[in-house]
Amino acid sequence: MAIKDLRDNLKRLKETDPVELAGQVNNWLQESGEALRLRIEDEVEKAVTKRGFVKRSEFLKLEARIAALEGKPASKSASKPASKPAKKTVKKTAKKVVKKSAGKKASK
């Protein structure tokens, strides 16, 4: 039965306009891609929620709300997400400590 279906489909393909067929395939790919994207987003959302994580946008909103309740100006991180990790600050501090200790050795 499968071979007969394949032959029938091939006959229809030969009779179909290639431009029309390409358009149909393109539409199908776009719809399938969108469905797949939505499915992945749902699965990620479930996994993140299950583990107790929050979205950055939710965290920033909460941070801004706390700052407003405390009467403090909202931090810069609440207005825009941080683009670089805090490790950079640690590195700068470590460099200062190294420079100070090198200066003490030189003065001895």
PDB file of N, CA and C in Angstrom:
ATOM      1  N   MET A   1       0.824  -1.189   0.000  1.00  0.00           N
ATOM      2  CA  MET A   1       0.000   0.000   0.000  1.00  0.00           C
ATOM      3  C   MET A   1       0.872   1.257   0.000  1.00  0.00           C
ATOM      4  N   ALA A   2       1.969   1.265   0.713  1.00  0.00           N
ATOM      5  CA  ALA A   2       2.831   2.435   0.806  1.00  0.00           C
ATOM      6  C   ALA A   2       3.454   2.763  -0.547  1.00  0.00           C
ATOM      7  N   ILE A   3       3.804   1.766  -1.334  1.00  0.00           N
ATOM      8  CA  ILE A   3       4.411   2.005  -2.648  1.00  0.00           C
ATOM      9  C   ILE A   3       3.401   2.663  -3.576  1.00  0.00           C
ATOM     10  N   LYS A   4       2.147   2.221  -3.519  1.00  0.00           N
ATOM     11  CA  LYS A   4       1.100   2.823  -4.350  1.00  0.00           C
ATOM     12  C   LYS A   4       0.906   4.293  -3.972  1.00  0.00           C
ATOM     13  N   ASP A   5       0.901   4.599  -2.683  1.00  0.00           N
ATOM     14  CA  ASP A   5       0.768   5.989  -2.229  1.00  0.00           C
ATOM     15  C   ASP A   5       1.940   6.828  -2.709  1.00  0.00           C
ATOM     16  N   LEU A   6       3.121   6.263  -2.661  1.00  0.00           N
ATOM     17  CA  LEU A   6       4.313   6.978  -3.111  1.00  0.00           C
ATOM     18  C   LEU A   6       4.216   7.291  -4.605  1.00  0.00           C
ATOM     19  N   ARG A   7       3.767   6.317  -5.402  1.00  0.00           N
ATOM     20  CA  ARG A   7       3.610   6.532  -6.844  1.00  0.00           C
ATOM     21  C   ARG A   7       2.585   7.624  -7.122  1.00  0.00           C
ATOM     22  N   ASP A   8       1.482   7.595  -6.383  1.00  0.00           N
ATOM     23  CA  ASP A   8       0.448   8.610  -6.568  1.00  0.00           C
ATOM     24  C   ASP A   8       0.980  10.010  -6.230  1.00  0.00           C
ATOM     25  N   ASN A   9       1.726  10.085  -5.153  1.00  0.00           N
ATOM     26  CA  ASN A   9       2.301  11.377  -4.758  1.00  0.00           C
ATOM     27  C   ASN A   9       3.308  11.876  -5.787  1.00  0.00           C
ATOM     28  N   LEU A  10       4.107  10.973  -6.340  1.00  0.00           N
ATOM     29  CA  LEU A  10       5.064  11.368  -7.367  1.00  0.00           C
ATOM     30  C   LEU A  10       4.360  11.859  -8.625  1.00  0.00           C
ATOM     31  N   LYS A  11       3.262  11.225  -9.019  1.00  0.00           N
ATOM     32  CA  LYS A  11       2.493  11.673 -10.185  1.00  0.00           C
ATOM     33  C   LYS A  11       1.960  13.087  -9.952  1.00  0.00           C
ATOM     34  N   ARG A  12       1.451  13.336  -8.731  1.00  0.00           N
ATOM     35  CA  ARG A  12       0.926  14.665  -8.416  1.00  0.00           C
ATOM     36  C   ARG A  12       2.034  15.707  -8.426  1.00  0.00           C
ATOM     37  N   LEU A  13       3.216  15.318  -7.981  1.00  0.00           N
ATOM     38  CA  LEU A  13       4.346  16.244  -7.978  1.00  0.00           C
ATOM     39  C   LEU A  13       4.743  16.628  -9.397  1.00  0.00           C
ATOM     40  N   LYS A  14       4.720  15.677 -10.300  1.00  0.00           N
ATOM     41  CA  LYS A  14       5.076  15.949 -11.690  1.00  0.00           C
ATOM     42  C   LYS A  14       4.085  16.916 -12.329  1.00  0.00           C
ATOM     43  N   GLU A  15       2.830  16.828 -11.914  1.00  0.00           N
ATOM     44  CA  GLU A  15       1.792  17.670 -12.493  1.00  0.00           C
ATOM     45  C   GLU A  15       1.710  19.057 -11.835  1.00  0.00           C
ATOM     46  N   THR A  16       2.344  19.219 -10.684  1.00  0.00           N
ATOM     47  CA  THR A  16       2.255  20.473  -9.930  1.00  0.00           C
ATOM     48  C   THR A  16       3.274  21.484 -10.434  1.00  0.00           C
ATOM     49  N   ASP A  17       2.877  22.749 -10.417  1.00  0.00           N
ATOM     50  CA  ASP A  17       3.769  23.854 -10.786  1.00  0.00           C
ATOM     51  C   ASP A  17       4.887  23.951  -9.737  1.00  0.00           C
ATOM     52  N   PRO A  18       6.158  23.972 -10.138  1.00  0.00           N
ATOM     53  CA  PRO A  18       7.277  24.014  -9.186  1.00  0.00           C
ATOM     54  C   PRO A  18       7.256  25.235  -8.273  1.00  0.00           C
ATOM     55  N   VAL A  19       6.842  26.369  -8.796  1.00  0.00           N
ATOM     56  CA  VAL A  19       6.791  27.585  -7.990  1.00  0.00           C
ATOM     57  C   VAL A  19       5.732  27.439  -6.896  1.00  0.00           C
ATOM     58  N   GLU A  20       4.588  26.895  -7.283  1.00  0.00           N
ATOM     59  CA  GLU A  20       3.511  26.683  -6.311  1.00  0.00           C
ATOM     60  C   GLU A  20       3.948  25.678  -5.251  1.00  0.00           C
ATOM     61  N   LEU A  21       4.606  24.608  -5.682  1.00  0.00           N
ATOM     62  CA  LEU A  21       5.083  23.578  -4.753  1.00  0.00           C
ATOM     63  C   LEU A  21       6.110  24.170  -3.784  1.00  0.00           C
ATOM     64  N   ALA A  22       7.033  24.972  -4.307  1.00  0.00           N
ATOM     65  CA  ALA A  22       8.041  25.604  -3.450  1.00  0.00           C
ATOM     66  C   ALA A  22       7.380  26.519  -2.429  1.00  0.00           C
ATOM     67  N   GLY A  23       6.363  27.240  -2.833  1.00  0.00           N
ATOM     68  CA  GLY A  23       5.629  28.108  -1.914  1.00  0.00           C
ATOM     69  C   GLY A  23       4.946  27.321  -0.810  1.00  0.00           C
ATOM     70  N   GLN A  24       4.333  26.195  -1.193  1.00  0.00           N
ATOM     71  CA  GLN A  24       3.676  25.354  -0.201  1.00  0.00           C
ATOM     72  C   GLN A  24       4.680  24.781   0.791  1.00  0.00           C
ATOM     73  N   VAL A  25       5.828  24.327   0.282  1.00  0.00           N
ATOM     74  CA  VAL A  25       6.863  23.778   1.162  1.00  0.00           C
ATOM     75  C   VAL A  25       7.384  24.870   2.093  1.00  0.00           C
ATOM     76  N   ASN A  26       7.586  26.060   1.551  1.00  0.00           N
ATOM     77  CA  ASN A  26       8.062  27.179   2.364  1.00  0.00           C
ATOM     78  C   ASN A  26       7.069  27.510   3.478  1.00  0.00           C
ATOM     79  N   ASN A  27       5.799  27.577   3.158  1.00  0.00           N
ATOM     80  CA  ASN A  27       4.770  27.841   4.168  1.00  0.00           C
ATOM     81  C   ASN A  27       4.762  26.765   5.241  1.00  0.00           C
ATOM     82  N   TRP A  28       4.869  25.515   4.805  1.00  0.00           N
ATOM     83  CA  TRP A  28       4.869  24.400   5.758  1.00  0.00           C
ATOM     84  C   TRP A  28       6.078  24.503   6.692  1.00  0.00           C
ATOM     85  N   LEU A  29       7.243  24.849   6.143  1.00  0.00           N
ATOM     86  CA  LEU A  29       8.447  24.982   6.961  1.00  0.00           C
ATOM     87  C   LEU A  29       8.299  26.111   7.984  1.00  0.00           C
ATOM     88  N   GLN A  30       7.729  27.235   7.554  1.00  0.00           N
ATOM     89  CA  GLN A  30       7.540  28.355   8.478  1.00  0.00           C
ATOM     90  C   GLN A  30       6.579  27.986   9.602  1.00  0.00           C
ATOM     91  N   GLU A  31       5.480  27.333   9.264  1.00  0.00           N
ATOM     92  CA  GLU A  31       4.502  26.926  10.279  1.00  0.00           C
ATOM     93  C   GLU A  31       5.098  25.905  11.233  1.00  0.00           C
ATOM     94  N   SER A  32       5.848  24.966  10.695  1.00  0.00           N
ATOM     95  CA  SER A  32       6.471  23.949  11.539  1.00  0.00           C
ATOM     96  C   SER A  32       7.522  24.566  12.451  1.00  0.00           C
ATOM     97  N   GLY A  33       8.291  25.500  11.912  1.00  0.00           N
ATOM     98  CA  GLY A  33       9.307  26.176  12.711  1.00  0.00           C
ATOM     99  C   GLY A  33       8.696  26.965  13.855  1.00  0.00           C
ATOM    100  N   GLU A  34       7.609  27.650  13.570  1.00  0.00           N
ATOM    101  CA  GLU A  34       6.918  28.423  14.608  1.00  0.00           C
ATOM    102  C   GLU A  34       6.343  27.495  15.682  1.00  0.00           C
ATOM    103  N   ALA A  35       5.744  26.401  15.260  1.00  0.00           N
ATOM    104  CA  ALA A  35       5.194  25.441  16.223  1.00  0.00           C
ATOM    105  C   ALA A  35       6.304  24.864  17.099  1.00  0.00           C
ATOM    106  N   LEU A  36       7.436  24.568  16.497  1.00  0.00           N
ATOM    107  CA  LEU A  36       8.573  24.031  17.245  1.00  0.00           C
ATOM    108  C   LEU A  36       9.101  25.069  18.231  1.00  0.00           C
ATOM    109  N   ARG A  37       9.207  26.321  17.802  1.00  0.00           N
ATOM    110  CA  ARG A  37       9.687  27.390  18.679  1.00  0.00           C
ATOM    111  C   ARG A  37       8.776  27.552  19.892  1.00  0.00           C
ATOM    112  N   LEU A  38       7.472  27.528  19.666  1.00  0.00           N
ATOM    113  CA  LEU A  38       6.523  27.650  20.769  1.00  0.00           C
ATOM    114  C   LEU A  38       6.628  26.476  21.733  1.00  0.00           C
ATOM    115  N   ARG A  39       6.799  25.303  21.186  1.00  0.00           N
ATOM    116  CA  ARG A  39       6.933  24.106  22.027  1.00  0.00           C
ATOM    117  C   ARG A  39       8.187  24.178  22.890  1.00  0.00           C
ATOM    118  N   ILE A  40       9.299  24.625  22.306  1.00  0.00           N
ATOM    119  CA  ILE A  40      10.550  24.748  23.054  1.00  0.00           C
ATOM    120  C   ILE A  40      10.403  25.794  24.151  1.00  0.00           C
ATOM    121  N   GLU A  41       9.780  26.930  23.832  1.00  0.00           N
ATOM    122  CA  GLU A  41       9.567  27.975  24.839  1.00  0.00           C
ATOM    123  C   GLU A  41       8.740  27.451  26.008  1.00  0.00           C
ATOM    124  N   ASP A  42       7.696  26.681  25.712  1.00  0.00           N
ATOM    125  CA  ASP A  42       6.862  26.111  26.771  1.00  0.00           C
ATOM    126  C   ASP A  42       7.664  25.163  27.652  1.00  0.00           C
ATOM    127  N   GLU A  43       8.466  24.303  27.037  1.00  0.00           N
ATOM    128  CA  GLU A  43       9.256  23.339  27.802  1.00  0.00           C
ATOM    129  C   GLU A  43      10.302  24.035  28.669  1.00  0.00           C
ATOM    130  N   VAL A  44      10.929  25.054  28.129  1.00  0.00           N
ATOM    131  CA  VAL A  44      11.928  25.806  28.907  1.00  0.00           C
ATOM    132  C   VAL A  44      11.240  26.511  30.067  1.00  0.00           C
ATOM    133  N   GLU A  45      10.100  27.120  29.807  1.00  0.00           N
ATOM    134  CA  GLU A  45       9.352  27.805  30.854  1.00  0.00           C
ATOM    135  C   GLU A  45       8.981  26.844  31.979  1.00  0.00           C
ATOM    136  N   LYS A  46       8.526  25.641  31.632  1.00  0.00           N
ATOM    137  CA  LYS A  46       8.180  24.642  32.642  1.00  0.00           C
ATOM    138  C   LYS A  46       9.402  24.249  33.466  1.00  0.00           C
ATOM    139  N   ALA A  47      10.526  24.023  32.794  1.00  0.00           N
ATOM    140  CA  ALA A  47      11.742  23.609  33.492  1.00  0.00           C
ATOM    141  C   ALA A  47      12.243  24.708  34.428  1.00  0.00           C
ATOM    142  N   VAL A  48      12.210  25.948  33.962  1.00  0.00           N
ATOM    143  CA  VAL A  48      12.677  27.077  34.772  1.00  0.00           C
ATOM    144  C   VAL A  48      11.773  27.262  35.984  1.00  0.00           C
ATOM    145  N   THR A  49      10.479  27.205  35.779  1.00  0.00           N
ATOM    146  CA  THR A  49       9.525  27.369  36.873  1.00  0.00           C
ATOM    147  C   THR A  49       9.663  26.234  37.884  1.00  0.00           C
ATOM    148  N   LYS A  50       9.847  25.036  37.394  1.00  0.00           N
ATOM    149  CA  LYS A  50       9.976  23.870  38.263  1.00  0.00           C
ATOM    150  C   LYS A  50      11.183  24.002  39.178  1.00  0.00           C
ATOM    151  N   ARG A  51      12.252  24.593  38.688  1.00  0.00           N
ATOM    152  CA  ARG A  51      13.479  24.733  39.478  1.00  0.00           C
ATOM    153  C   ARG A  51      13.475  25.992  40.347  1.00  0.00           C
ATOM    154  N   GLY A  52      12.448  26.829  40.214  1.00  0.00           N
ATOM    155  CA  GLY A  52      12.310  27.995  41.074  1.00  0.00           C
ATOM    156  C   GLY A  52      13.044  29.229  40.589  1.00  0.00           C
ATOM    157  N   PHE A  53      13.466  29.260  39.345  1.00  0.00           N
ATOM    158  CA  PHE A  53      14.148  30.434  38.816  1.00  0.00           C
ATOM    159  C   PHE A  53      13.126  31.486  38.411  1.00  0.00           C
ATOM    160  N   VAL A  54      13.598  32.734  38.354  1.00  0.00           N
ATOM    161  CA  VAL A  54      12.748  33.819  37.884  1.00  0.00           C
ATOM    162  C   VAL A  54      13.403  34.440  36.657  1.00  0.00           C
ATOM    163  N   LYS A  55      12.596  35.081  35.855  1.00  0.00           N
ATOM    164  CA  LYS A  55      13.113  35.762  34.669  1.00  0.00           C
ATOM    165  C   LYS A  55      13.804  37.047  35.100  1.00  0.00           C
ATOM    166  N   ARG A  56      14.790  37.465  34.313  1.00  0.00           N
ATOM    167  CA  ARG A  56      15.516  38.702  34.618  1.00  0.00           C
ATOM    168  C   ARG A  56      14.551  39.881  34.669  1.00  0.00           C
ATOM    169  N   SER A  57      13.587  39.929  33.746  1.00  0.00           N
ATOM    170  CA  SER A  57      12.644  41.049  33.719  1.00  0.00           C
ATOM    171  C   SER A  57      11.830  41.102  35.010  1.00  0.00           C
ATOM    172  N   GLU A  58      11.428  39.939  35.537  1.00  0.00           N
ATOM    173  CA  GLU A  58      10.674  39.900  36.786  1.00  0.00           C
ATOM    174  C   GLU A  58      11.543  40.367  37.947  1.00  0.00           C
ATOM    175  N   PHE A  59      12.803  39.938  37.947  1.00  0.00           N
ATOM    176  CA  PHE A  59      13.728  40.339  39.000  1.00  0.00           C
ATOM    177  C   PHE A  59      13.957  41.848  38.981  1.00  0.00           C
ATOM    178  N   LEU A  60      14.154  42.421  37.795  1.00  0.00           N
ATOM    179  CA  LEU A  60      14.396  43.856  37.694  1.00  0.00           C
ATOM    180  C   LEU A  60      13.170  44.661  38.128  1.00  0.00           C
ATOM    181  N   LYS A  61      11.983  44.177  37.794  1.00  0.00           N
ATOM    182  CA  LYS A  61      10.757  44.854  38.231  1.00  0.00           C
ATOM    183  C   LYS A  61      10.667  44.832  39.755  1.00  0.00           C
ATOM    184  N   LEU A  62      10.958  43.690  40.347  1.00  0.00           N
ATOM    185  CA  LEU A  62      10.906  43.567  41.797  1.00  0.00           C
ATOM    186  C   LEU A  62      11.951  44.460  42.455  1.00  0.00           C
ATOM    187  N   GLU A  63      13.135  44.500  41.891  1.00  0.00           N
ATOM    188  CA  GLU A  63      14.205  45.352  42.418  1.00  0.00           C
ATOM    189  C   GLU A  63      13.782  46.823  42.383  1.00  0.00           C
ATOM    190  N   ALA A  64      13.181  47.250  41.297  1.00  0.00           N
ATOM    191  CA  ALA A  64      12.727  48.627  41.167  1.00  0.00           C
ATOM    192  C   ALA A  64      11.601  48.918  42.156  1.00  0.00           C
ATOM    193  N   ARG A  65      10.719  47.963  42.354  1.00  0.00           N
ATOM    194  CA  ARG A  65       9.603  48.156  43.292  1.00  0.00           C
ATOM    195  C   ARG A  65      10.117  48.284  44.719  1.00  0.00           C
ATOM    196  N   ILE A  66      11.085  47.462  45.093  1.00  0.00           N
ATOM    197  CA  ILE A  66      11.664  47.532  46.439  1.00  0.00           C
ATOM    198  C   ILE A  66      12.345  48.879  46.640  1.00  0.00           C
ATOM    199  N   ALA A  67      13.086  49.318  45.634  1.00  0.00           N
ATOM    200  CA  ALA A  67      13.751  50.618  45.728  1.00  0.00           C
ATOM    201  C   ALA A  67      12.734  51.735  45.899  1.00  0.00           C
ATOM    202  N   ALA A  68      11.617  51.656  45.183  1.00  0.00           N
ATOM    203  CA  ALA A  68      10.575  52.677  45.290  1.00  0.00           C
ATOM    204  C   ALA A  68       9.937  52.652  46.675  1.00  0.00           C
ATOM    205  N   LEU A  69       9.700  51.472  47.227  1.00  0.00           N
ATOM    206  CA  LEU A  69       9.099  51.358  48.550  1.00  0.00           C
ATOM    207  C   LEU A  69      10.037  51.876  49.635  1.00  0.00           C
ATOM    208  N   GLU A  70      11.329  51.686  49.448  1.00  0.00           N
ATOM    209  CA  GLU A  70      12.309  52.154  50.420  1.00  0.00           C
ATOM    210  C   GLU A  70      12.639  53.631  50.229  1.00  0.00           C
ATOM    211  N   GLY A  71      12.134  54.223  49.158  1.00  0.00           N
ATOM    212  CA  GLY A  71      12.371  55.632  48.892  1.00  0.00           C
ATOM    213  C   GLY A  71      13.740  55.898  48.298  1.00  0.00           C
ATOM    214  N   LYS A  72      14.376  54.878  47.808  1.00  0.00           N
ATOM    215  CA  LYS A  72      15.692  55.032  47.192  1.00  0.00           C
ATOM    216  C   LYS A  72      15.512  55.138  45.686  1.00  0.00           C
ATOM    217  N   PRO A  73      16.427  55.822  45.029  1.00  0.00           N
ATOM    218  CA  PRO A  73      16.346  55.837  43.559  1.00  0.00           C
ATOM    219  C   PRO A  73      16.646  54.446  43.018  1.00  0.00           C
ATOM    220  N   ALA A  74      15.985  54.123  41.937  1.00  0.00           N
ATOM    221  CA  ALA A  74      16.193  52.806  41.327  1.00  0.00           C
ATOM    222  C   ALA A  74      17.636  52.684  40.855  1.00  0.00           C
ATOM    223  N   SER A  75      18.204  51.517  41.059  1.00  0.00           N
ATOM    224  CA  SER A  75      19.594  51.309  40.654  1.00  0.00           C
ATOM    225  C   SER A  75      19.701  51.278  39.137  1.00  0.00           C
ATOM    226  N   LYS A  76      20.897  51.467  38.642  1.00  0.00           N
ATOM    227  CA  LYS A  76      21.114  51.438  37.198  1.00  0.00           C
ATOM    228  C   LYS A  76      20.788  50.075  36.636  1.00  0.00           C
ATOM    229  N   SER A  77      21.010  49.024  37.429  1.00  0.00           N
ATOM    230  CA  SER A  77      20.742  47.675  36.925  1.00  0.00           C
ATOM    231  C   SER A  77      19.251  47.433  36.756  1.00  0.00           C
ATOM    232  N   ALA A  78      18.419  48.188  37.485  1.00  0.00           N
ATOM    233  CA  ALA A  78      16.974  48.021  37.330  1.00  0.00           C
ATOM    234  C   ALA A  78      16.487  48.622  36.032  1.00  0.00           C
ATOM    235  N   SER A  79      17.179  49.654  35.555  1.00  0.00           N
ATOM    236  CA  SER A  79      16.733  50.286  34.320  1.00  0.00           C
ATOM    237  C   SER A  79      17.237  49.568  33.086  1.00  0.00           C
ATOM    238  N   LYS A  80      18.411  48.945  33.191  1.00  0.00           N
ATOM    239  CA  LYS A  80      18.919  48.175  32.062  1.00  0.00           C
ATOM    240  C   LYS A  80      19.699  46.978  32.588  1.00  0.00           C
ATOM    241  N   PRO A  81      19.611  45.847  31.928  1.00  0.00           N
ATOM    242  CA  PRO A  81      20.305  44.660  32.393  1.00  0.00           C
ATOM    243  C   PRO A  81      21.816  44.829  32.298  1.00  0.00           C
ATOM    244  N   ALA A  82      22.500  44.235  33.242  1.00  0.00           N
ATOM    245  CA  ALA A  82      23.962  44.281  33.247  1.00  0.00           C
ATOM    246  C   ALA A  82      24.504  43.472  32.086  1.00  0.00           C
ATOM    247  N   SER A  83      25.463  44.052  31.376  1.00  0.00           N
ATOM    248  CA  SER A  83      25.998  43.358  30.225  1.00  0.00           C
ATOM    249  C   SER A  83      27.260  42.586  30.563  1.00  0.00           C
ATOM    250  N   LYS A  84      27.919  42.947  31.677  1.00  0.00           N
ATOM    251  CA  LYS A  84      29.147  42.260  32.056  1.00  0.00           C
ATOM    252  C   LYS A  84      28.995  41.727  33.476  1.00  0.00           C
ATOM    253  N   PRO A  85      29.591  40.597  33.769  1.00  0.00           N
ATOM    254  CA  PRO A  85      29.460  40.003  35.099  1.00  0.00           C
ATOM    255  C   PRO A  85      30.222  40.813  36.151  1.00  0.00           C
ATOM    256  N   ALA A  86      29.914  40.564  37.400  1.00  0.00           N
ATOM    257  CA  ALA A  86      30.534  41.278  38.511  1.00  0.00           C
ATOM    258  C   ALA A  86      31.976  40.846  38.735  1.00  0.00           C
ATOM    259  N   LYS A  87      32.435  39.823  38.088  1.00  0.00           N
ATOM    260  CA  LYS A  87      33.795  39.339  38.265  1.00  0.00           C
ATOM    261  C   LYS A  87      34.813  40.427  37.932  1.00  0.00           C
ATOM    262  N   LYS A  88      34.462  41.329  37.042  1.00  0.00           N
ATOM    263  CA  LYS A  88      35.377  42.387  36.633  1.00  0.00           C
ATOM    264  C   LYS A  88      35.749  43.244  37.839  1.00  0.00           C
ATOM    265  N   THR A  89      34.781  43.543  38.701  1.00  0.00           N
ATOM    266  CA  THR A  89      35.040  44.325  39.894  1.00  0.00           C
ATOM    267  C   THR A  89      36.007  43.595  40.810  1.00  0.00           C
ATOM    268  N   VAL A  90      35.821  42.310  40.941  1.00  0.00           N
ATOM    269  CA  VAL A  90      36.702  41.506  41.778  1.00  0.00           C
ATOM    270  C   VAL A  90      38.121  41.555  41.228  1.00  0.00           C
ATOM    271  N   LYS A  91      38.266  41.478  39.928  1.00  0.00           N
ATOM    272  CA  LYS A  91      39.590  41.525  39.316  1.00  0.00           C
ATOM    273  C   LYS A  91      40.265  42.855  39.590  1.00  0.00           C
ATOM    274  N   LYS A  92      39.519  43.965  39.494  1.00  0.00           N
ATOM    275  CA  LYS A  92      40.085  45.279  39.760  1.00  0.00           C
ATOM    276  C   LYS A  92      40.556  45.365  41.207  1.00  0.00           C
ATOM    277  N   THR A  93      39.755  44.891  42.126  1.00  0.00           N
ATOM    278  CA  THR A  93      40.110  44.918  43.536  1.00  0.00           C
ATOM    279  C   THR A  93      41.353  44.076  43.784  1.00  0.00           C
ATOM    280  N   ALA A  94      41.425  42.923  43.158  1.00  0.00           N
ATOM    281  CA  ALA A  94      42.592  42.055  43.318  1.00  0.00           C
ATOM    282  C   ALA A  94      43.846  42.734  42.776  1.00  0.00           C
ATOM    283  N   LYS A  95      43.729  43.459  41.665  1.00  0.00           N
ATOM    284  CA  LYS A  95      44.873  44.176  41.108  1.00  0.00           C
ATOM    285  C   LYS A  95      45.364  45.245  42.079  1.00  0.00           C
ATOM    286  N   LYS A  96      44.437  45.963  42.732  1.00  0.00           N
ATOM    287  CA  LYS A  96      44.816  46.992  43.689  1.00  0.00           C
ATOM    288  C   LYS A  96      45.568  46.384  44.861  1.00  0.00           C
ATOM    289  N   VAL A  97      45.102  45.244  45.351  1.00  0.00           N
ATOM    290  CA  VAL A  97      45.762  44.572  46.460  1.00  0.00           C
ATOM    291  C   VAL A  97      47.161  44.155  46.055  1.00  0.00           C
ATOM    292  N   VAL A  98      47.311  43.630  44.848  1.00  0.00           N
ATOM    293  CA  VAL A  98      48.621  43.211  44.363  1.00  0.00           C
ATOM    294  C   VAL A  98      49.550  44.416  44.261  1.00  0.00           C
ATOM    295  N   LYS A  99      49.050  45.541  43.752  1.00  0.00           N
ATOM    296  CA  LYS A  99      49.876  46.744  43.626  1.00  0.00           C
ATOM    297  C   LYS A  99      50.306  47.248  44.993  1.00  0.00           C
ATOM    298  N   LYS A 100      49.396  47.244  45.977  1.00  0.00           N
ATOM    299  CA  LYS A 100      49.724  47.712  47.315  1.00  0.00           C
ATOM    300  C   LYS A 100      50.782  46.814  47.949  1.00  0.00           C
ATOM    301  N   SER A 101      50.607  45.514  47.796  1.00  0.00           N
ATOM    302  CA  SER A 101      51.587  44.596  48.406  1.00  0.00           C
ATOM    303  C   SER A 101      52.928  44.703  47.696  1.00  0.00           C
ATOM    304  N   ALA A 102      52.952  44.972  46.420  1.00  0.00           N
ATOM    305  CA  ALA A 102      54.217  45.160  45.689  1.00  0.00           C
ATOM    306  C   ALA A 102      54.888  46.440  46.148  1.00  0.00           C
ATOM    307  N   GLY A 103      54.123  47.475  46.436  1.00  0.00           N
ATOM    308  CA  GLY A 103      54.661  48.738  46.930  1.00  0.00           C
ATOM    309  C   GLY A 103      55.267  48.577  48.319  1.00  0.00           C
ATOM    310  N   LYS A 104      54.644  47.752  49.154  1.00  0.00           N
ATOM    311  CA  LYS A 104      55.167  47.514  50.505  1.00  0.00           C
ATOM    312  C   LYS A 104      56.489  46.766  50.438  1.00  0.00           C
ATOM    313  N   LYS A 105      56.620  45.803  49.531  1.00  0.00           N
ATOM    314  CA  LYS A 105      57.859  45.046  49.380  1.00  0.00           C
ATOM    315  C   LYS A 105      58.980  45.938  48.902  1.00  0.00           C
ATOM    316  N   ALA A 106      58.635  46.871  48.003  1.00  0.00           N
ATOM    317  CA  ALA A 106      59.652  47.764  47.453  1.00  0.00           C
ATOM    318  C   ALA A 106      60.133  48.746  48.497  1.00  0.00           C
ATOM    319  N   SER A 107      59.274  49.164  49.440  1.00  0.00           N
ATOM    320  CA  SER A 107      59.677  50.140  50.446  1.00  0.00           C
ATOM    321  C   SER A 107      60.483  49.510  51.575  1.00  0.00           C
ATOM    322  N   LYS A 108      60.442  48.203  51.731  1.00  0.00           N
ATOM    323  CA  LYS A 108      61.156  47.522  52.820  1.00  0.00           C
ATOM    324  C   LYS A 108      62.598  47.461  52.591  1.00  0.00           C
TER     325      LYS A 108
END
